[in-house]
Amino acid sequence: MEREKLLIILTGPTATGKTDFSIKLAKEIEGEIISADSMQVYKGLDIGTDKVSKEIMKEIPHYLIDIRKPNEPFSVAEFVEEADKAIKEIREKNKYPIVVGGTGFYIRALLYGLPKVPAGNEKIRKELEKLSTEEIYALLEEVDKLSAERIGSNDRKRLIRAYEVYKLTGKPLSSFEIPQKPRYKFLGYFLYRNRPELYKRIEDRVDSQIKRGLIDETKWLLEFGKNTTAFQALGYKEMLQYLEGKKTLEEAIKLLKRRTKQFAKRQFTWFRKEPKFKWVNLSEVSERKLIDMIKKEIREEV
């Protein structure tokens, strides 16, 4: 059946309301949800990554959430492999796979595949692990400014990988050819809001995270070590500075709000390069209207 081949992608900047909307859509079209959030794969990062509740997951099955311990590695190649399995499983139930999340690199890899780059090199990685994230970012910026901008200054794992590729090949990661033919037939939607509203939602979410126990969650995560990949998620490094006495709580919260807004800007930048996504402003288009639009476009694709 044609509809079995159709994949629905909901992405956009953090705090837009993708998660809530995806649940409403899944209920209406008989869909199940695959998380495309690089940090929701880690167990225990519930508040910092704003995971859906266990009750909602019982009602609407979710995939690729809580599948790794915080100190276990998880690569984009593993994401594609696990997401492929989830898509197959959902289709076998004759339901729609709905990929939801803001990790653009993961979504692009799922849709188009990964560029052919060399395998990892343990010796180079060990040397890079000795450096701070800021130092690795500066090194990458010198040789591959485009990748540095795409990745951002906080994603230690991907910064190391990008610089590792340069060291192995002498070529920037951004120069490797990215496949152009989609692996799946899909409908893609970039959901966003007007900037003042989005920034207000970001600030409210951070305040809510603090009230719900983000500091205690950071203390728990600290038991796995500061250099664990999960610590790259927004919220934990900022609260760590508070716990270590480097910043007051007010300063740490302000920093988290600022970094989250910067992250949202990078998400806008990333998806401007994805021509097959429809941009929908949820400040101006109601969720009801968007659901009806998606249902209409699904029917037209069948």
C-alpha atoms as a PDB file:
ATOM      1  CA  MET A   1       0.000   0.000   0.000  1.00  0.00           C
ATOM      2  CA  GLU A   2       1.181   3.478  -0.826  1.00  0.00           C
ATOM      3  CA  ARG A   3       0.313   4.832   2.615  1.00  0.00           C
ATOM      4  CA  GLU A   4       2.672   2.283   4.209  1.00  0.00           C
ATOM      5  CA  LYS A   5       5.577   3.994   2.463  1.00  0.00           C
ATOM      6  CA  LEU A   6       4.704   7.422   3.762  1.00  0.00           C
ATOM      7  CA  LEU A   7       6.715   8.854   6.616  1.00  0.00           C
ATOM      8  CA  ILE A   8       5.697  12.026   8.469  1.00  0.00           C
ATOM      9  CA  ILE A   9       8.388  14.318   9.894  1.00  0.00           C
ATOM     10  CA  LEU A  10       7.597  17.014  12.478  1.00  0.00           C
ATOM     11  CA  THR A  11      10.552  19.184  13.359  1.00  0.00           C
ATOM     12  CA  GLY A  12      11.351  22.756  14.320  1.00  0.00           C
ATOM     13  CA  PRO A  13      13.038  24.773  17.059  1.00  0.00           C
ATOM     14  CA  THR A  14      12.935  23.732  20.694  1.00  0.00           C
ATOM     15  CA  ALA A  15       9.844  24.756  22.728  1.00  0.00           C
ATOM     16  CA  THR A  16       7.660  25.202  19.639  1.00  0.00           C
ATOM     17  CA  GLY A  17       5.193  22.563  20.810  1.00  0.00           C
ATOM     18  CA  LYS A  18       6.172  19.706  18.477  1.00  0.00           C
ATOM     19  CA  THR A  19       5.664  17.014  21.105  1.00  0.00           C
ATOM     20  CA  ASP A  20       2.146  18.043  22.127  1.00  0.00           C
ATOM     21  CA  PHE A  21       1.113  18.467  18.515  1.00  0.00           C
ATOM     22  CA  SER A  22       2.572  15.099  17.478  1.00  0.00           C
ATOM     23  CA  ILE A  23       0.465  13.316  20.097  1.00  0.00           C
ATOM     24  CA  LYS A  24      -2.716  14.989  18.822  1.00  0.00           C
ATOM     25  CA  LEU A  25      -1.798  14.107  15.242  1.00  0.00           C
ATOM     26  CA  ALA A  26      -0.949  10.501  16.129  1.00  0.00           C
ATOM     27  CA  LYS A  27      -4.365  10.036  17.731  1.00  0.00           C
ATOM     28  CA  GLU A  28      -6.151  11.357  14.648  1.00  0.00           C
ATOM     29  CA  ILE A  29      -4.269   9.446  11.946  1.00  0.00           C
ATOM     30  CA  GLU A  30      -3.394   6.252  13.860  1.00  0.00           C
ATOM     31  CA  GLY A  31       0.284   6.993  14.132  1.00  0.00           C
ATOM     32  CA  GLU A  32       3.144   6.058  16.424  1.00  0.00           C
ATOM     33  CA  ILE A  33       6.053   8.330  17.285  1.00  0.00           C
ATOM     34  CA  ILE A  34       9.786   8.006  16.728  1.00  0.00           C
ATOM     35  CA  SER A  35      11.888  10.510  18.675  1.00  0.00           C
ATOM     36  CA  ALA A  36      14.536  12.372  16.674  1.00  0.00           C
ATOM     37  CA  ASP A  37      16.085  13.961  19.747  1.00  0.00           C
ATOM     38  CA  SER A  38      19.721  12.989  20.256  1.00  0.00           C
ATOM     39  CA  MET A  39      19.418  13.299  24.048  1.00  0.00           C
ATOM     40  CA  GLN A  40      16.065  11.621  24.684  1.00  0.00           C
ATOM     41  CA  VAL A  41      17.729   8.285  23.919  1.00  0.00           C
ATOM     42  CA  TYR A  42      19.337   8.511  27.395  1.00  0.00           C
ATOM     43  CA  LYS A  43      17.586   7.105  30.441  1.00  0.00           C
ATOM     44  CA  GLY A  44      17.046   9.483  33.329  1.00  0.00           C
ATOM     45  CA  LEU A  45      17.231  12.731  31.354  1.00  0.00           C
ATOM     46  CA  ASP A  46      13.496  13.269  31.773  1.00  0.00           C
ATOM     47  CA  ILE A  47      13.273  16.900  32.877  1.00  0.00           C
ATOM     48  CA  GLY A  48      16.214  18.294  30.927  1.00  0.00           C
ATOM     49  CA  THR A  49      14.947  16.869  27.631  1.00  0.00           C
ATOM     50  CA  ASP A  50      11.227  17.305  28.407  1.00  0.00           C
ATOM     51  CA  LYS A  51      10.263  13.714  27.665  1.00  0.00           C
ATOM     52  CA  VAL A  52       6.619  12.781  27.364  1.00  0.00           C
ATOM     53  CA  SER A  53       5.099  11.088  30.388  1.00  0.00           C
ATOM     54  CA  LYS A  54       4.975   7.321  30.808  1.00  0.00           C
ATOM     55  CA  GLU A  55       1.163   7.580  30.675  1.00  0.00           C
ATOM     56  CA  ILE A  56       1.257   9.168  27.213  1.00  0.00           C
ATOM     57  CA  MET A  57       3.779   6.573  26.012  1.00  0.00           C
ATOM     58  CA  LYS A  58       1.357   3.831  27.060  1.00  0.00           C
ATOM     59  CA  GLU A  59      -1.388   5.459  25.009  1.00  0.00           C
ATOM     60  CA  ILE A  60       0.770   6.350  21.999  1.00  0.00           C
ATOM     61  CA  PRO A  61       3.854   4.143  21.543  1.00  0.00           C
ATOM     62  CA  HIS A  62       7.131   6.082  21.351  1.00  0.00           C
ATOM     63  CA  TYR A  63      10.407   4.744  19.975  1.00  0.00           C
ATOM     64  CA  LEU A  64      14.061   5.704  20.562  1.00  0.00           C
ATOM     65  CA  ILE A  65      13.421   7.076  24.041  1.00  0.00           C
ATOM     66  CA  ASP A  66      15.302   5.650  27.060  1.00  0.00           C
ATOM     67  CA  ILE A  67      17.355   3.164  25.027  1.00  0.00           C
ATOM     68  CA  ARG A  68      20.820   4.020  26.383  1.00  0.00           C
ATOM     69  CA  LYS A  69      22.395   4.664  29.790  1.00  0.00           C
ATOM     70  CA  PRO A  70      23.844   8.182  30.157  1.00  0.00           C
ATOM     71  CA  ASN A  71      27.432   6.909  29.879  1.00  0.00           C
ATOM     72  CA  GLU A  72      26.820   4.805  26.754  1.00  0.00           C
ATOM     73  CA  PRO A  73      27.682   6.157  23.291  1.00  0.00           C
ATOM     74  CA  PHE A  74      25.005   6.640  20.634  1.00  0.00           C
ATOM     75  CA  SER A  75      25.879   7.629  17.075  1.00  0.00           C
ATOM     76  CA  VAL A  76      23.876   8.989  14.178  1.00  0.00           C
ATOM     77  CA  ALA A  77      24.466   5.684  12.358  1.00  0.00           C
ATOM     78  CA  GLU A  78      22.874   3.844  15.301  1.00  0.00           C
ATOM     79  CA  PHE A  79      19.974   6.299  15.208  1.00  0.00           C
ATOM     80  CA  VAL A  80      19.324   5.534  11.528  1.00  0.00           C
ATOM     81  CA  GLU A  81      19.498   1.796  12.194  1.00  0.00           C
ATOM     82  CA  GLU A  82      17.100   1.961  15.161  1.00  0.00           C
ATOM     83  CA  ALA A  83      14.738   4.366  13.393  1.00  0.00           C
ATOM     84  CA  ASP A  84      14.609   2.092  10.327  1.00  0.00           C
ATOM     85  CA  LYS A  85      13.572  -0.802  12.593  1.00  0.00           C
ATOM     86  CA  ALA A  86      10.905   1.351  14.269  1.00  0.00           C
ATOM     87  CA  ILE A  87       9.486   2.503  10.922  1.00  0.00           C
ATOM     88  CA  LYS A  88       9.232  -1.107   9.760  1.00  0.00           C
ATOM     89  CA  GLU A  89       7.527  -2.159  13.011  1.00  0.00           C
ATOM     90  CA  ILE A  90       5.004   0.689  12.861  1.00  0.00           C
ATOM     91  CA  ARG A  91       4.189   0.010   9.214  1.00  0.00           C
ATOM     92  CA  GLU A  92       3.599  -3.651   9.992  1.00  0.00           C
ATOM     93  CA  LYS A  93       0.817  -2.456  12.310  1.00  0.00           C
ATOM     94  CA  ASN A  94      -0.547  -0.478   9.334  1.00  0.00           C
ATOM     95  CA  LYS A  95       0.070   2.767  11.205  1.00  0.00           C
ATOM     96  CA  TYR A  96       1.875   5.958  10.274  1.00  0.00           C
ATOM     97  CA  PRO A  97       5.440   6.444  11.548  1.00  0.00           C
ATOM     98  CA  ILE A  98       5.752  10.035  12.800  1.00  0.00           C
ATOM     99  CA  VAL A  99       9.320  11.218  13.374  1.00  0.00           C
ATOM    100  CA  VAL A 100       9.375  14.064  15.905  1.00  0.00           C
ATOM    101  CA  GLY A 101      12.341  16.089  17.120  1.00  0.00           C
ATOM    102  CA  GLY A 102      14.737  18.929  16.538  1.00  0.00           C
ATOM    103  CA  THR A 103      18.030  17.127  15.842  1.00  0.00           C
ATOM    104  CA  GLY A 104      18.382  18.093  12.198  1.00  0.00           C
ATOM    105  CA  PHE A 105      21.487  15.982  11.628  1.00  0.00           C
ATOM    106  CA  TYR A 106      19.604  12.841  12.679  1.00  0.00           C
ATOM    107  CA  ILE A 107      16.585  13.646  10.509  1.00  0.00           C
ATOM    108  CA  ARG A 108      18.712  14.340   7.434  1.00  0.00           C
ATOM    109  CA  ALA A 109      20.644  11.100   7.952  1.00  0.00           C
ATOM    110  CA  LEU A 110      17.409   9.125   8.274  1.00  0.00           C
ATOM    111  CA  LEU A 111      15.927  10.640   5.123  1.00  0.00           C
ATOM    112  CA  TYR A 112      19.003  10.660   2.882  1.00  0.00           C
ATOM    113  CA  GLY A 113      21.661   8.464   4.460  1.00  0.00           C
ATOM    114  CA  LEU A 114      25.134   9.417   5.646  1.00  0.00           C
ATOM    115  CA  PRO A 115      28.101  10.681   3.599  1.00  0.00           C
ATOM    116  CA  LYS A 116      30.864   8.126   3.119  1.00  0.00           C
ATOM    117  CA  VAL A 117      33.447   9.186   5.691  1.00  0.00           C
ATOM    118  CA  PRO A 118      36.230   7.118   7.288  1.00  0.00           C
ATOM    119  CA  ALA A 119      35.672   5.042  10.408  1.00  0.00           C
ATOM    120  CA  GLY A 120      36.673   6.424  13.792  1.00  0.00           C
ATOM    121  CA  ASN A 121      40.278   6.490  14.946  1.00  0.00           C
ATOM    122  CA  GLU A 122      40.813   5.692  18.624  1.00  0.00           C
ATOM    123  CA  LYS A 123      44.242   7.366  18.821  1.00  0.00           C
ATOM    124  CA  ILE A 124      42.965  10.691  17.464  1.00  0.00           C
ATOM    125  CA  ARG A 125      39.882  10.588  19.681  1.00  0.00           C
ATOM    126  CA  LYS A 126      41.937   9.969  22.811  1.00  0.00           C
ATOM    127  CA  GLU A 127      44.048  13.028  22.021  1.00  0.00           C
ATOM    128  CA  LEU A 128      40.968  15.156  21.419  1.00  0.00           C
ATOM    129  CA  GLU A 129      39.314  13.922  24.608  1.00  0.00           C
ATOM    130  CA  LYS A 130      42.092  15.636  26.555  1.00  0.00           C
ATOM    131  CA  LEU A 131      40.907  19.019  25.249  1.00  0.00           C
ATOM    132  CA  SER A 132      37.973  21.082  26.446  1.00  0.00           C
ATOM    133  CA  THR A 133      34.896  21.382  24.238  1.00  0.00           C
ATOM    134  CA  GLU A 134      35.774  25.040  23.654  1.00  0.00           C
ATOM    135  CA  GLU A 135      39.269  24.102  22.437  1.00  0.00           C
ATOM    136  CA  ILE A 136      37.916  21.445  20.050  1.00  0.00           C
ATOM    137  CA  TYR A 137      35.395  23.945  18.671  1.00  0.00           C
ATOM    138  CA  ALA A 138      38.177  26.479  18.042  1.00  0.00           C
ATOM    139  CA  LEU A 139      40.275  23.851  16.228  1.00  0.00           C
ATOM    140  CA  LEU A 140      37.343  22.825  14.034  1.00  0.00           C
ATOM    141  CA  GLU A 141      36.434  26.419  13.283  1.00  0.00           C
ATOM    142  CA  GLU A 142      39.911  26.951  11.813  1.00  0.00           C
ATOM    143  CA  VAL A 143      39.642  24.062   9.336  1.00  0.00           C
ATOM    144  CA  ASP A 144      35.876  23.600   8.812  1.00  0.00           C
ATOM    145  CA  LYS A 145      33.930  26.709   9.722  1.00  0.00           C
ATOM    146  CA  LEU A 146      30.739  25.419   8.100  1.00  0.00           C
ATOM    147  CA  SER A 147      30.640  22.224  10.186  1.00  0.00           C
ATOM    148  CA  ALA A 148      31.480  24.200  13.329  1.00  0.00           C
ATOM    149  CA  GLU A 149      28.497  26.495  12.694  1.00  0.00           C
ATOM    150  CA  ARG A 150      26.186  23.582  11.934  1.00  0.00           C
ATOM    151  CA  ILE A 151      27.182  21.609  15.026  1.00  0.00           C
ATOM    152  CA  GLY A 152      27.415  24.504  17.482  1.00  0.00           C
ATOM    153  CA  SER A 153      29.854  24.988  20.327  1.00  0.00           C
ATOM    154  CA  ASN A 154      28.280  22.575  22.833  1.00  0.00           C
ATOM    155  CA  ASP A 155      27.980  19.227  21.020  1.00  0.00           C
ATOM    156  CA  ARG A 156      31.304  17.723  22.088  1.00  0.00           C
ATOM    157  CA  LYS A 157      30.781  14.313  20.465  1.00  0.00           C
ATOM    158  CA  ARG A 158      30.007  15.688  17.004  1.00  0.00           C
ATOM    159  CA  LEU A 159      32.754  18.310  17.221  1.00  0.00           C
ATOM    160  CA  ILE A 160      35.284  15.559  17.943  1.00  0.00           C
ATOM    161  CA  ARG A 161      33.963  13.484  15.048  1.00  0.00           C
ATOM    162  CA  ALA A 162      34.136  16.400  12.603  1.00  0.00           C
ATOM    163  CA  TYR A 163      37.711  17.260  13.552  1.00  0.00           C
ATOM    164  CA  GLU A 164      38.645  13.560  13.495  1.00  0.00           C
ATOM    165  CA  VAL A 165      37.451  13.326   9.872  1.00  0.00           C
ATOM    166  CA  TYR A 166      39.598  16.325   8.973  1.00  0.00           C
ATOM    167  CA  LYS A 167      42.670  14.808  10.668  1.00  0.00           C
ATOM    168  CA  LEU A 168      42.151  11.500   8.835  1.00  0.00           C
ATOM    169  CA  THR A 169      41.448  12.895   5.375  1.00  0.00           C
ATOM    170  CA  GLY A 170      42.783  16.444   5.261  1.00  0.00           C
ATOM    171  CA  LYS A 171      39.323  17.484   4.068  1.00  0.00           C
ATOM    172  CA  PRO A 172      36.545  19.200   6.045  1.00  0.00           C
ATOM    173  CA  LEU A 173      33.538  17.063   6.939  1.00  0.00           C
ATOM    174  CA  SER A 174      31.305  19.601   5.184  1.00  0.00           C
ATOM    175  CA  SER A 175      33.032  18.804   1.865  1.00  0.00           C
ATOM    176  CA  PHE A 176      31.871  15.185   1.814  1.00  0.00           C
ATOM    177  CA  GLU A 177      29.016  14.579  -0.567  1.00  0.00           C
ATOM    178  CA  ILE A 178      25.656  14.112   1.138  1.00  0.00           C
ATOM    179  CA  PRO A 179      23.214  11.760  -0.644  1.00  0.00           C
ATOM    180  CA  GLN A 180      20.395  13.661  -2.352  1.00  0.00           C
ATOM    181  CA  LYS A 181      17.850  10.917  -3.069  1.00  0.00           C
ATOM    182  CA  PRO A 182      15.440  10.308  -0.149  1.00  0.00           C
ATOM    183  CA  ARG A 183      15.430   6.811   1.372  1.00  0.00           C
ATOM    184  CA  TYR A 184      11.749   7.220   2.239  1.00  0.00           C
ATOM    185  CA  LYS A 185       8.717   8.886   0.756  1.00  0.00           C
ATOM    186  CA  PHE A 186       7.824  11.521   3.319  1.00  0.00           C
ATOM    187  CA  LEU A 187       5.876  14.621   4.254  1.00  0.00           C
ATOM    188  CA  GLY A 188       8.033  17.048   6.241  1.00  0.00           C
ATOM    189  CA  TYR A 189       6.852  19.968   8.375  1.00  0.00           C
ATOM    190  CA  PHE A 190       8.977  22.574  10.116  1.00  0.00           C
ATOM    191  CA  LEU A 191       6.880  23.967  12.967  1.00  0.00           C
ATOM    192  CA  TYR A 192       7.818  27.324  14.435  1.00  0.00           C
ATOM    193  CA  ARG A 193       6.413  30.388  16.169  1.00  0.00           C
ATOM    194  CA  ASN A 194       6.948  34.122  16.024  1.00  0.00           C
ATOM    195  CA  ARG A 195      10.179  34.944  17.823  1.00  0.00           C
ATOM    196  CA  PRO A 196       8.699  36.837  20.837  1.00  0.00           C
ATOM    197  CA  GLU A 197       6.289  33.971  21.505  1.00  0.00           C
ATOM    198  CA  LEU A 198       8.968  31.312  21.008  1.00  0.00           C
ATOM    199  CA  TYR A 199      11.373  33.071  23.381  1.00  0.00           C
ATOM    200  CA  LYS A 200       8.635  33.411  26.001  1.00  0.00           C
ATOM    201  CA  ARG A 201       7.914  29.680  25.697  1.00  0.00           C
ATOM    202  CA  ILE A 202      11.630  28.912  26.109  1.00  0.00           C
ATOM    203  CA  GLU A 203      11.851  31.023  29.267  1.00  0.00           C
ATOM    204  CA  ASP A 204       8.682  29.464  30.709  1.00  0.00           C
ATOM    205  CA  ARG A 205       9.983  25.975  29.973  1.00  0.00           C
ATOM    206  CA  VAL A 206      13.294  26.614  31.706  1.00  0.00           C
ATOM    207  CA  ASP A 207      11.464  27.987  34.761  1.00  0.00           C
ATOM    208  CA  SER A 208       9.260  24.877  34.757  1.00  0.00           C
ATOM    209  CA  GLN A 209      12.298  22.580  34.490  1.00  0.00           C
ATOM    210  CA  ILE A 210      13.858  24.217  37.549  1.00  0.00           C
ATOM    211  CA  LYS A 211      10.640  23.789  39.542  1.00  0.00           C
ATOM    212  CA  ARG A 212      10.313  20.138  38.458  1.00  0.00           C
ATOM    213  CA  GLY A 213      13.789  19.206  39.665  1.00  0.00           C
ATOM    214  CA  LEU A 214      16.418  19.908  36.979  1.00  0.00           C
ATOM    215  CA  ILE A 215      19.051  20.556  39.658  1.00  0.00           C
ATOM    216  CA  ASP A 216      18.507  17.157  41.306  1.00  0.00           C
ATOM    217  CA  GLU A 217      18.554  15.491  37.879  1.00  0.00           C
ATOM    218  CA  THR A 218      21.913  17.179  37.220  1.00  0.00           C
ATOM    219  CA  LYS A 219      23.273  15.853  40.535  1.00  0.00           C
ATOM    220  CA  TRP A 220      22.191  12.362  39.489  1.00  0.00           C
ATOM    221  CA  LEU A 221      23.783  12.702  36.036  1.00  0.00           C
ATOM    222  CA  LEU A 222      27.013  13.919  37.616  1.00  0.00           C
ATOM    223  CA  GLU A 223      27.493  10.433  39.061  1.00  0.00           C
ATOM    224  CA  PHE A 224      28.291   9.246  35.515  1.00  0.00           C
ATOM    225  CA  GLY A 225      31.045  11.862  35.074  1.00  0.00           C
ATOM    226  CA  LYS A 226      31.227  15.345  33.577  1.00  0.00           C
ATOM    227  CA  ASN A 227      32.491  14.123  30.199  1.00  0.00           C
ATOM    228  CA  THR A 228      29.640  11.725  29.536  1.00  0.00           C
ATOM    229  CA  THR A 229      27.848  12.499  26.255  1.00  0.00           C
ATOM    230  CA  ALA A 230      24.534  13.036  28.023  1.00  0.00           C
ATOM    231  CA  PHE A 231      26.025  16.081  29.754  1.00  0.00           C
ATOM    232  CA  GLN A 232      25.941  17.861  26.381  1.00  0.00           C
ATOM    233  CA  ALA A 233      22.161  18.231  26.659  1.00  0.00           C
ATOM    234  CA  LEU A 234      21.009  21.761  27.378  1.00  0.00           C
ATOM    235  CA  GLY A 235      20.438  22.378  31.072  1.00  0.00           C
ATOM    236  CA  TYR A 236      22.940  20.107  32.758  1.00  0.00           C
ATOM    237  CA  LYS A 237      26.157  22.019  32.128  1.00  0.00           C
ATOM    238  CA  GLU A 238      24.468  25.235  33.189  1.00  0.00           C
ATOM    239  CA  MET A 239      23.162  23.716  36.428  1.00  0.00           C
ATOM    240  CA  LEU A 240      26.579  22.155  37.041  1.00  0.00           C
ATOM    241  CA  GLN A 241      28.087  25.637  37.127  1.00  0.00           C
ATOM    242  CA  TYR A 242      25.601  26.474  39.865  1.00  0.00           C
ATOM    243  CA  LEU A 243      26.343  23.272  41.802  1.00  0.00           C
ATOM    244  CA  GLU A 244      30.081  23.965  41.608  1.00  0.00           C
ATOM    245  CA  GLY A 245      29.595  27.502  42.896  1.00  0.00           C
ATOM    246  CA  LYS A 246      30.765  29.129  39.675  1.00  0.00           C
ATOM    247  CA  LYS A 247      27.428  30.869  39.136  1.00  0.00           C
ATOM    248  CA  THR A 248      24.435  31.808  41.248  1.00  0.00           C
ATOM    249  CA  LEU A 249      21.219  29.960  40.441  1.00  0.00           C
ATOM    250  CA  GLU A 250      19.841  33.122  38.848  1.00  0.00           C
ATOM    251  CA  GLU A 251      22.942  33.406  36.618  1.00  0.00           C
ATOM    252  CA  ALA A 252      22.762  29.714  35.637  1.00  0.00           C
ATOM    253  CA  ILE A 253      19.086  30.025  34.700  1.00  0.00           C
ATOM    254  CA  LYS A 254      19.785  33.151  32.656  1.00  0.00           C
ATOM    255  CA  LEU A 255      22.626  31.352  30.858  1.00  0.00           C
ATOM    256  CA  LEU A 256      20.405  28.351  30.106  1.00  0.00           C
ATOM    257  CA  LYS A 257      17.692  30.569  28.649  1.00  0.00           C
ATOM    258  CA  ARG A 258      20.232  32.360  26.458  1.00  0.00           C
ATOM    259  CA  ARG A 259      21.831  29.132  25.211  1.00  0.00           C
ATOM    260  CA  THR A 260      18.434  27.597  24.479  1.00  0.00           C
ATOM    261  CA  LYS A 261      17.499  30.613  22.350  1.00  0.00           C
ATOM    262  CA  GLN A 262      20.826  30.309  20.508  1.00  0.00           C
ATOM    263  CA  PHE A 263      20.117  26.624  19.918  1.00  0.00           C
ATOM    264  CA  ALA A 264      16.686  27.500  18.489  1.00  0.00           C
ATOM    265  CA  LYS A 265      18.376  29.921  16.057  1.00  0.00           C
ATOM    266  CA  ARG A 266      20.701  27.143  14.860  1.00  0.00           C
ATOM    267  CA  GLN A 267      17.699  24.880  14.276  1.00  0.00           C
ATOM    268  CA  PHE A 268      16.137  27.555  12.055  1.00  0.00           C
ATOM    269  CA  THR A 269      19.418  27.846  10.126  1.00  0.00           C
ATOM    270  CA  TRP A 270      19.755  24.093   9.640  1.00  0.00           C
ATOM    271  CA  PHE A 271      16.287  23.546   8.177  1.00  0.00           C
ATOM    272  CA  ARG A 272      16.457  26.505   5.819  1.00  0.00           C
ATOM    273  CA  LYS A 273      18.641  24.176   3.752  1.00  0.00           C
ATOM    274  CA  GLU A 274      15.916  21.499   3.622  1.00  0.00           C
ATOM    275  CA  PRO A 275      13.720  22.462   0.628  1.00  0.00           C
ATOM    276  CA  LYS A 276      11.206  19.617   0.953  1.00  0.00           C
ATOM    277  CA  PHE A 277       9.871  20.777   4.341  1.00  0.00           C
ATOM    278  CA  LYS A 278       6.777  22.953   4.646  1.00  0.00           C
ATOM    279  CA  TRP A 279       7.183  25.731   7.195  1.00  0.00           C
ATOM    280  CA  VAL A 280       4.146  26.232   9.420  1.00  0.00           C
ATOM    281  CA  ASN A 281       3.892  29.140  11.873  1.00  0.00           C
ATOM    282  CA  LEU A 282       1.941  27.888  14.894  1.00  0.00           C
ATOM    283  CA  SER A 283       1.540  31.502  16.041  1.00  0.00           C
ATOM    284  CA  GLU A 284      -0.741  31.997  13.054  1.00  0.00           C
ATOM    285  CA  VAL A 285      -2.009  28.518  12.086  1.00  0.00           C
ATOM    286  CA  SER A 286      -4.126  26.573  14.569  1.00  0.00           C
ATOM    287  CA  GLU A 287      -3.236  22.991  15.417  1.00  0.00           C
ATOM    288  CA  ARG A 288      -6.657  21.941  14.158  1.00  0.00           C
ATOM    289  CA  LYS A 289      -6.025  23.536  10.791  1.00  0.00           C
ATOM    290  CA  LEU A 290      -2.581  21.941  10.569  1.00  0.00           C
ATOM    291  CA  ILE A 291      -3.943  18.479  11.393  1.00  0.00           C
ATOM    292  CA  ASP A 292      -6.579  18.875   8.668  1.00  0.00           C
ATOM    293  CA  MET A 293      -3.900  20.021   6.230  1.00  0.00           C
ATOM    294  CA  ILE A 294      -1.676  17.021   6.980  1.00  0.00           C
ATOM    295  CA  LYS A 295      -4.608  14.608   6.652  1.00  0.00           C
ATOM    296  CA  LYS A 296      -5.486  16.163   3.286  1.00  0.00           C
ATOM    297  CA  GLU A 297      -1.889  15.869   2.065  1.00  0.00           C
ATOM    298  CA  ILE A 298      -1.741  12.235   3.194  1.00  0.00           C
ATOM    299  CA  ARG A 299      -4.902  11.480   1.192  1.00  0.00           C
ATOM    300  CA  GLU A 300      -3.414  13.181  -1.872  1.00  0.00           C
ATOM    301  CA  GLU A 301      -0.302  11.039  -1.616  1.00  0.00           C
ATOM    302  CA  VAL A 302      -2.213   7.736  -1.496  1.00  0.00           C
END
